[in-house]
Amino acid sequence: MWKLVFPGIAMIAVTYAFARYSFGWFLPDISSSLKLSESQAGYISSSAYLAYTIALLTASIFIHHFGARRMILLSGTTASLGMAGMALSQGFYTLTLSAFLAGLGSGWVSPAFSQVVAQSVSSDLQDKRNTWINTGTSFGILLTGPVALAFAEQWRWSYALFAVFAMIVCLWNGYSIKEKKQETRMTHQIRISLKPLVKARFLIMASIGIGFSSSIYWTFSKSYITAIHGLTVSESVGFWTIMGGAGILGGVAGAIIQSIGLHRSYLLGVVVVSASIFGLTNPNFAAIYFSALLFGVAFIFMTGLFIVWGTRQFPESPSTGVSISFFSLGIGQSAGSIAAGMLIEGISYPFAFILFSIIGLPFLFCRTTILPLSTEPKKNVEIAAKE
């Protein structure tokens, strides 16, 4: 089974960490090189999130029509081409288009892997396998630091290297993942009905909330600690590396959910995400690093939790549940990136980070119930999530 998990981790690393989240790391150098404002940076980051959400809208249909394996390979290809375009970009518009292309893969890859895992692993191991594959984001972030140090301020060479690495990972996954005949089937009800969106309303609200509040950290944390807190290049590399390394611990999400239940796990994750965002406003060196550690663990933990929640909500079509959750997450991140850029440019970094840390807290009241899809009167009631 690890023959699937390891290439899965690598693919998540290139489509999420390299193609999307690394933009926040290279943002100061990119902004300086291309003369971008904070609001323009927010729009570029938002374009990647927009691509992510568009890809998620089509993920279930494409997966069931073309197969999960092909969509995983397409994800790696678009990530590679998008990052190559970013390396060659000469201005705001070309960078925006390249970021959009790079963001498409992240929208297709998670639902595709959830489908592969559902078809290849026994049900009692699926939560753990899904959450470990999800830690690829952290492994990718962990690798971003050494690459940034190796190329110093040469962000174009970093993206060129990422593009090459993405193609290698794509070939690895092509070798490791086998096609399944049952991938071509699609549940008729899910394709034509809005009922799944109604039944998944709590999952959707929770995903939007976490996506919105966390977006400021991914896009502007590096700029904040260098421009306001005055961290050096090596110190900021340490910050990013800690965040990535800590996120690997988020791979235990499946085990923790099985241990303390989905609801308690969700509450814990929301609180820690908000605390980590607020913690970055403290100029103390130790507090900044501790914020990175908390955010790394909490964000990967929460995305793993959303995968588990989505697959439990739609056991007959796991890719649909993950698509709905991650689409909502992307909507929140896209809107949040734009709002954060405007707030930072119009007011200040501290104000924006404090506000975004508070915004996430009301979503503590989202209910983590698994709602049935049945329309039969007897069964059309809410049931508690199995914990």
Protein backbone atom coordinates (compact mmCIF):
# COMPACT_ATOMS: atom_id res chain seq x y z
CA MET A 1 0.00 0.00 0.00
CA TRP A 2 2.88 2.38 0.63
CA LYS A 3 3.62 1.97 -3.07
CA LEU A 4 0.60 4.24 -3.54
CA VAL A 5 1.15 6.53 -0.53
CA PHE A 6 4.72 7.64 -1.33
CA PRO A 7 4.08 8.76 -4.93
CA GLY A 8 0.85 10.30 -3.65
CA ILE A 9 2.76 12.36 -1.10
CA ALA A 10 5.14 13.50 -3.85
CA MET A 11 2.28 14.50 -6.17
CA ILE A 12 0.53 16.48 -3.44
CA ALA A 13 3.88 18.18 -2.73
CA VAL A 14 4.28 19.45 -6.29
CA THR A 15 0.64 20.41 -6.90
CA TYR A 16 0.04 22.10 -3.55
CA ALA A 17 3.33 23.18 -1.96
CA PHE A 18 5.29 24.01 -5.13
CA ALA A 19 2.56 25.10 -7.55
CA ARG A 20 0.39 27.05 -5.08
CA TYR A 21 1.73 27.75 -1.62
CA SER A 22 5.37 28.46 -2.54
CA PHE A 23 4.17 31.72 -4.10
CA GLY A 24 3.89 33.19 -0.61
CA TRP A 25 7.50 32.25 0.10
CA PHE A 26 8.88 33.85 -3.08
CA LEU A 27 6.47 36.80 -3.00
CA PRO A 28 8.91 39.44 -1.66
CA ASP A 29 11.46 38.67 -4.40
CA ILE A 30 8.79 38.35 -7.09
CA SER A 31 7.18 41.65 -6.05
CA SER A 32 10.54 43.39 -6.11
CA SER A 33 11.47 41.92 -9.49
CA LEU A 34 8.13 42.58 -11.21
CA LYS A 35 7.18 45.67 -9.16
CA LEU A 36 3.95 44.24 -7.77
CA SER A 37 1.78 45.91 -5.14
CA GLU A 38 0.25 44.00 -2.22
CA SER A 39 -3.17 44.04 -3.88
CA GLN A 40 -1.71 42.70 -7.14
CA ALA A 41 0.00 39.94 -5.16
CA GLY A 42 -3.35 39.12 -3.60
CA TYR A 43 -4.98 38.88 -7.04
CA ILE A 44 -2.24 36.58 -8.35
CA SER A 45 -2.56 34.29 -5.35
CA SER A 46 -6.32 34.40 -5.75
CA SER A 47 -6.03 33.31 -9.40
CA ALA A 48 -4.40 30.06 -8.25
CA TYR A 49 -7.20 29.52 -5.74
CA LEU A 50 -9.76 30.31 -8.45
CA ALA A 51 -8.24 27.68 -10.73
CA TYR A 52 -8.31 25.29 -7.79
CA THR A 53 -12.03 25.83 -7.23
CA ILE A 54 -12.85 25.55 -10.95
CA ALA A 55 -10.93 22.28 -11.14
CA LEU A 56 -12.81 20.98 -8.12
CA LEU A 57 -16.13 21.76 -9.81
CA THR A 58 -15.20 19.41 -12.62
CA ALA A 59 -13.20 16.87 -10.59
CA SER A 60 -15.89 14.27 -9.92
CA ILE A 61 -17.20 14.32 -13.49
CA PHE A 62 -13.71 14.09 -15.01
CA ILE A 63 -12.59 11.39 -12.59
CA HIS A 64 -15.58 9.19 -13.27
CA HIS A 65 -15.38 9.80 -17.01
CA PHE A 66 -11.63 9.60 -17.63
CA GLY A 67 -10.48 7.72 -14.53
CA ALA A 68 -8.61 8.82 -11.41
CA ARG A 69 -5.21 7.81 -12.78
CA ARG A 70 -5.47 10.10 -15.79
CA MET A 71 -6.61 13.03 -13.67
CA ILE A 72 -3.67 12.55 -11.31
CA LEU A 73 -1.30 12.64 -14.28
CA LEU A 74 -3.07 15.69 -15.73
CA SER A 75 -2.68 17.40 -12.35
CA GLY A 76 1.07 16.90 -12.40
CA THR A 77 1.30 18.10 -16.00
CA THR A 78 -0.61 21.35 -15.43
CA ALA A 79 1.43 22.04 -12.29
CA SER A 80 4.66 21.59 -14.25
CA LEU A 81 3.55 23.78 -17.16
CA GLY A 82 2.20 26.47 -14.84
CA MET A 83 5.42 26.68 -12.83
CA ALA A 84 7.46 26.80 -16.04
CA GLY A 85 5.29 29.75 -17.08
CA MET A 86 5.89 31.44 -13.72
CA ALA A 87 9.63 31.04 -14.18
CA LEU A 88 9.38 32.86 -17.53
CA SER A 89 6.82 35.51 -16.50
CA GLN A 90 7.67 39.14 -17.22
CA GLY A 91 4.77 40.92 -15.57
CA PHE A 92 1.51 40.85 -13.64
CA TYR A 93 -0.67 39.35 -16.38
CA THR A 94 1.63 36.52 -17.48
CA LEU A 95 2.31 35.62 -13.86
CA THR A 96 -1.42 35.59 -13.10
CA LEU A 97 -2.16 33.27 -16.04
CA SER A 98 0.71 30.96 -15.09
CA ALA A 99 -0.42 30.83 -11.46
CA PHE A 100 -3.91 29.95 -12.69
CA LEU A 101 -2.59 27.06 -14.78
CA ALA A 102 -0.41 25.84 -11.90
CA GLY A 103 -3.41 25.89 -9.55
CA LEU A 104 -5.57 23.58 -11.65
CA GLY A 105 -3.76 20.41 -10.64
CA SER A 106 -4.35 20.89 -6.94
CA GLY A 107 -8.10 20.92 -7.59
CA TRP A 108 -8.10 17.59 -9.39
CA VAL A 109 -5.47 15.63 -7.49
CA SER A 110 -6.98 15.26 -3.99
CA PRO A 111 -10.39 13.96 -5.17
CA ALA A 112 -8.61 11.62 -7.58
CA PHE A 113 -6.42 10.15 -4.84
CA SER A 114 -9.39 9.76 -2.50
CA GLN A 115 -11.06 7.67 -5.23
CA VAL A 116 -7.93 5.55 -5.75
CA VAL A 117 -7.59 4.94 -2.02
CA ALA A 118 -11.25 4.00 -1.70
CA GLN A 119 -10.82 1.38 -4.42
CA SER A 120 -7.46 0.07 -3.26
CA VAL A 121 -7.56 0.06 0.55
CA SER A 122 -9.82 -1.58 3.12
CA SER A 123 -12.26 0.84 4.78
CA ASP A 124 -10.55 0.70 8.19
CA LEU A 125 -7.30 2.02 6.68
CA GLN A 126 -8.67 4.65 4.31
CA ASP A 127 -8.67 7.57 6.80
CA LYS A 128 -5.02 7.02 7.66
CA ARG A 129 -3.91 6.57 4.05
CA ASN A 130 -5.78 9.69 2.91
CA THR A 131 -4.39 11.88 5.68
CA TRP A 132 -0.81 10.68 5.11
CA ILE A 133 -1.04 11.41 1.38
CA ASN A 134 -2.35 14.84 2.35
CA THR A 135 0.92 15.58 4.22
CA GLY A 136 2.61 15.96 0.83
CA THR A 137 1.94 19.69 1.21
CA SER A 138 4.21 19.76 4.26
CA PHE A 139 6.95 17.72 2.64
CA GLY A 140 6.89 20.11 -0.31
CA ILE A 141 7.11 23.15 1.95
CA LEU A 142 9.99 21.51 3.78
CA LEU A 143 11.87 21.20 0.47
CA THR A 144 11.13 24.78 -0.53
CA GLY A 145 13.54 26.16 2.07
CA PRO A 146 16.71 24.41 0.81
CA VAL A 147 15.81 25.27 -2.80
CA ALA A 148 15.37 28.92 -1.85
CA LEU A 149 18.75 28.94 -0.10
CA ALA A 150 20.45 27.23 -3.04
CA PHE A 151 19.17 29.80 -5.52
CA ALA A 152 19.14 32.75 -3.10
CA GLU A 153 16.99 35.48 -4.73
CA GLN A 154 16.76 33.66 -8.09
CA TRP A 155 13.10 32.73 -7.80
CA ARG A 156 12.87 31.95 -11.53
CA TRP A 157 15.39 29.13 -11.22
CA SER A 158 13.47 27.78 -8.23
CA TYR A 159 10.26 27.54 -10.25
CA ALA A 160 12.15 25.98 -13.17
CA LEU A 161 13.48 23.29 -10.82
CA PHE A 162 9.99 22.75 -9.39
CA ALA A 163 8.61 22.29 -12.91
CA VAL A 164 11.19 19.61 -13.71
CA PHE A 165 10.55 17.87 -10.39
CA ALA A 166 6.80 17.89 -11.10
CA MET A 167 7.30 16.03 -14.39
CA ILE A 168 9.48 13.41 -12.67
CA VAL A 169 6.81 12.90 -10.00
CA CYS A 170 4.18 12.64 -12.75
CA LEU A 171 6.11 9.80 -14.37
CA TRP A 172 6.49 8.08 -10.98
CA ASN A 173 2.74 8.20 -10.39
CA GLY A 174 2.07 6.95 -13.91
CA TYR A 175 4.15 3.88 -13.11
CA SER A 176 2.71 3.30 -9.61
CA ILE A 177 -1.02 3.83 -10.09
CA LYS A 178 -3.04 1.22 -11.95
CA GLU A 179 -6.30 1.91 -13.77
CA LYS A 180 -9.52 0.62 -12.22
CA LYS A 181 -12.51 -0.26 -14.37
CA GLN A 182 -15.01 0.87 -11.76
CA GLU A 183 -13.66 4.42 -11.96
CA THR A 184 -15.78 5.01 -15.04
CA ARG A 185 -19.03 4.71 -13.11
CA MET A 186 -20.74 7.74 -11.64
CA THR A 187 -23.59 7.97 -9.20
CA HIS A 188 -26.53 9.48 -11.12
CA GLN A 189 -27.96 11.22 -8.09
CA ILE A 190 -24.77 13.10 -7.32
CA ARG A 191 -24.30 14.25 -10.89
CA ILE A 192 -27.72 15.87 -11.38
CA SER A 193 -28.93 16.81 -7.89
CA LEU A 194 -28.18 19.74 -5.59
CA LYS A 195 -29.13 17.58 -2.63
CA PRO A 196 -25.51 16.66 -1.80
CA LEU A 197 -24.72 20.37 -1.32
CA VAL A 198 -27.61 20.72 1.11
CA LYS A 199 -26.60 17.62 3.03
CA ALA A 200 -22.98 18.77 3.18
CA ARG A 201 -23.84 22.31 4.33
CA PHE A 202 -21.91 22.07 7.59
CA LEU A 203 -18.85 20.73 5.80
CA ILE A 204 -19.11 23.54 3.24
CA MET A 205 -19.38 26.28 5.88
CA ALA A 206 -16.47 24.89 7.88
CA SER A 207 -14.26 24.59 4.79
CA ILE A 208 -15.00 28.15 3.65
CA GLY A 209 -14.20 29.50 7.12
CA ILE A 210 -10.86 27.74 7.43
CA GLY A 211 -9.97 28.61 3.83
CA PHE A 212 -10.68 32.31 4.30
CA SER A 213 -8.88 32.72 7.62
CA SER A 214 -5.81 30.67 6.62
CA SER A 215 -5.29 32.41 3.25
CA ILE A 216 -3.51 35.39 4.78
CA TYR A 217 -0.87 33.13 6.32
CA TRP A 218 -0.07 31.28 3.10
CA THR A 219 0.19 34.43 1.01
CA PHE A 220 1.59 37.09 3.33
CA SER A 221 3.35 35.46 6.31
CA LYS A 222 6.78 35.58 4.64
CA SER A 223 6.31 39.23 3.67
CA TYR A 224 5.14 40.03 7.21
CA ILE A 225 8.09 38.51 9.03
CA THR A 226 10.65 40.10 6.68
CA ALA A 227 9.08 43.51 6.13
CA ILE A 228 7.67 44.13 9.62
CA HIS A 229 9.55 41.82 12.01
CA GLY A 230 12.83 42.17 10.14
CA LEU A 231 13.83 38.51 9.86
CA THR A 232 16.82 37.75 7.67
CA VAL A 233 16.75 35.39 4.69
CA SER A 234 18.16 32.48 6.70
CA GLU A 235 15.77 33.15 9.58
CA SER A 236 12.78 33.24 7.23
CA VAL A 237 13.96 29.96 5.67
CA GLY A 238 13.91 28.52 9.18
CA PHE A 239 10.37 29.84 9.64
CA TRP A 240 9.14 28.22 6.40
CA THR A 241 10.99 24.97 7.13
CA ILE A 242 9.48 24.70 10.61
CA MET A 243 6.03 25.25 9.15
CA GLY A 244 6.57 22.50 6.59
CA GLY A 245 8.17 20.05 9.00
CA ALA A 246 5.45 20.58 11.60
CA GLY A 247 2.78 19.94 9.00
CA ILE A 248 4.01 16.39 8.56
CA LEU A 249 2.63 15.75 12.04
CA GLY A 250 -0.77 16.58 10.59
CA GLY A 251 -0.64 13.14 9.04
CA VAL A 252 -1.87 11.73 12.34
CA ALA A 253 -5.26 13.37 11.67
CA GLY A 254 -6.84 10.05 10.76
CA ALA A 255 -5.65 8.39 13.97
CA ILE A 256 -6.72 11.35 16.14
CA ILE A 257 -10.17 11.46 14.55
CA GLN A 258 -10.62 7.77 15.26
CA SER A 259 -9.44 8.34 18.83
CA ILE A 260 -11.35 11.48 19.98
CA GLY A 261 -13.99 11.78 17.28
CA LEU A 262 -14.60 14.09 14.33
CA HIS A 263 -16.26 16.88 16.33
CA ARG A 264 -13.57 17.29 19.00
CA SER A 265 -10.87 17.06 16.35
CA TYR A 266 -12.54 19.82 14.35
CA LEU A 267 -12.85 22.15 17.36
CA LEU A 268 -9.20 21.60 18.24
CA GLY A 269 -8.08 22.37 14.68
CA VAL A 270 -10.08 25.61 14.37
CA VAL A 271 -8.73 26.98 17.64
CA VAL A 272 -5.11 26.18 16.78
CA VAL A 273 -5.37 27.70 13.28
CA SER A 274 -6.73 30.95 14.71
CA ALA A 275 -4.12 31.00 17.46
CA SER A 276 -1.29 30.51 14.98
CA ILE A 277 -2.45 33.43 12.81
CA PHE A 278 -2.76 35.71 15.83
CA GLY A 279 0.62 34.53 17.14
CA LEU A 280 2.45 35.93 14.13
CA THR A 281 1.68 39.46 15.32
CA ASN A 282 4.08 38.96 18.24
CA PRO A 283 7.53 40.27 17.20
CA ASN A 284 9.31 37.91 19.58
CA PHE A 285 11.56 35.54 17.62
CA ALA A 286 10.41 32.44 19.53
CA ALA A 287 6.74 33.41 19.13
CA ILE A 288 7.14 33.75 15.35
CA TYR A 289 8.64 30.28 15.06
CA PHE A 290 6.04 28.82 17.40
CA SER A 291 3.33 30.36 15.20
CA ALA A 292 4.84 28.59 12.18
CA LEU A 293 4.86 25.28 14.05
CA LEU A 294 1.22 25.64 15.12
CA PHE A 295 0.02 26.69 11.68
CA GLY A 296 1.89 23.90 9.91
CA VAL A 297 0.38 21.22 12.11
CA ALA A 298 -3.11 22.72 12.28
CA PHE A 299 -3.65 23.47 8.59
CA ILE A 300 -2.55 20.04 7.35
CA PHE A 301 -4.54 18.48 10.17
CA MET A 302 -7.66 20.38 9.10
CA THR A 303 -7.34 19.53 5.41
CA GLY A 304 -6.89 15.89 6.40
CA LEU A 305 -9.97 16.18 8.59
CA PHE A 306 -11.97 17.60 5.68
CA ILE A 307 -10.92 14.65 3.52
CA VAL A 308 -12.16 12.23 6.20
CA TRP A 309 -15.36 14.24 6.70
CA GLY A 310 -16.02 14.37 2.95
CA THR A 311 -15.41 10.66 2.36
CA ARG A 312 -17.68 9.75 5.27
CA GLN A 313 -20.41 12.05 3.94
CA PHE A 314 -20.22 10.42 0.48
CA PRO A 315 -18.99 6.84 1.00
CA GLU A 316 -20.43 5.80 -2.37
CA SER A 317 -18.34 8.46 -4.18
CA PRO A 318 -15.43 9.71 -2.04
CA SER A 319 -14.14 12.05 -4.76
CA THR A 320 -17.44 13.96 -4.60
CA GLY A 321 -17.12 14.58 -0.87
CA VAL A 322 -13.52 15.73 -1.14
CA SER A 323 -14.37 17.92 -4.14
CA ILE A 324 -17.17 19.68 -2.29
CA SER A 325 -15.02 20.27 0.78
CA PHE A 326 -11.91 21.43 -1.07
CA PHE A 327 -13.99 23.57 -3.46
CA SER A 328 -15.39 25.38 -0.43
CA LEU A 329 -11.90 25.66 1.03
CA GLY A 330 -10.69 27.19 -2.25
CA ILE A 331 -13.57 29.68 -2.36
CA GLY A 332 -12.60 30.85 1.11
CA GLN A 333 -8.92 31.07 0.21
CA SER A 334 -9.57 32.96 -3.02
CA ALA A 335 -11.75 35.58 -1.33
CA GLY A 336 -9.42 35.73 1.66
CA SER A 337 -6.30 36.41 -0.42
CA ILE A 338 -7.91 39.40 -2.11
CA ALA A 339 -9.30 40.75 1.15
CA ALA A 340 -6.00 40.28 2.96
CA GLY A 341 -4.04 42.11 0.25
CA MET A 342 -6.43 45.05 0.37
CA LEU A 343 -6.38 45.23 4.17
CA ILE A 344 -2.60 45.10 4.35
CA GLU A 345 -2.21 47.75 1.66
CA GLY A 346 -4.96 49.95 3.12
CA ILE A 347 -4.29 49.57 6.85
CA SER A 348 -1.45 47.36 8.12
CA TYR A 349 -0.09 43.84 8.48
CA PRO A 350 -0.88 43.49 12.22
CA PHE A 351 -4.48 44.65 11.81
CA ALA A 352 -5.11 42.23 8.93
CA PHE A 353 -3.61 39.23 10.75
CA ILE A 354 -5.51 39.94 13.98
CA LEU A 355 -8.78 40.33 12.07
CA PHE A 356 -8.25 37.09 10.12
CA SER A 357 -7.49 35.19 13.32
CA ILE A 358 -10.83 36.33 14.75
CA ILE A 359 -12.79 35.57 11.58
CA GLY A 360 -12.12 31.86 11.92
CA LEU A 361 -13.57 31.51 15.43
CA PRO A 362 -17.33 31.74 14.63
CA PHE A 363 -16.92 28.57 12.55
CA LEU A 364 -16.45 26.66 15.78
CA PHE A 365 -20.24 26.46 15.80
CA CYS A 366 -20.41 24.40 12.60
CA ARG A 367 -21.83 20.96 13.33
CA THR A 368 -19.76 17.97 12.29
CA THR A 369 -22.73 15.73 11.54
CA ILE A 370 -22.88 13.26 8.67
CA LEU A 371 -26.24 13.76 6.95
CA PRO A 372 -27.97 10.99 4.97
CA LEU A 373 -28.69 11.38 1.25
CA SER A 374 -31.87 9.30 1.46
CA THR A 375 -35.16 11.07 0.73
CA GLU A 376 -37.24 8.50 2.61
CA PRO A 377 -39.20 10.16 5.46
CA LYS A 378 -37.86 7.75 8.06
CA LYS A 379 -34.29 8.33 7.08
CA ASN A 380 -34.41 12.04 6.33
CA VAL A 381 -33.01 13.00 9.71
CA GLU A 382 -29.64 14.14 10.91
CA ILE A 383 -27.41 11.49 12.41
CA ALA A 384 -24.33 12.05 14.43
CA ALA A 385 -20.96 11.36 12.85
CA LYS A 386 -19.48 8.06 13.83
CA GLU A 387 -16.76 8.83 16.30
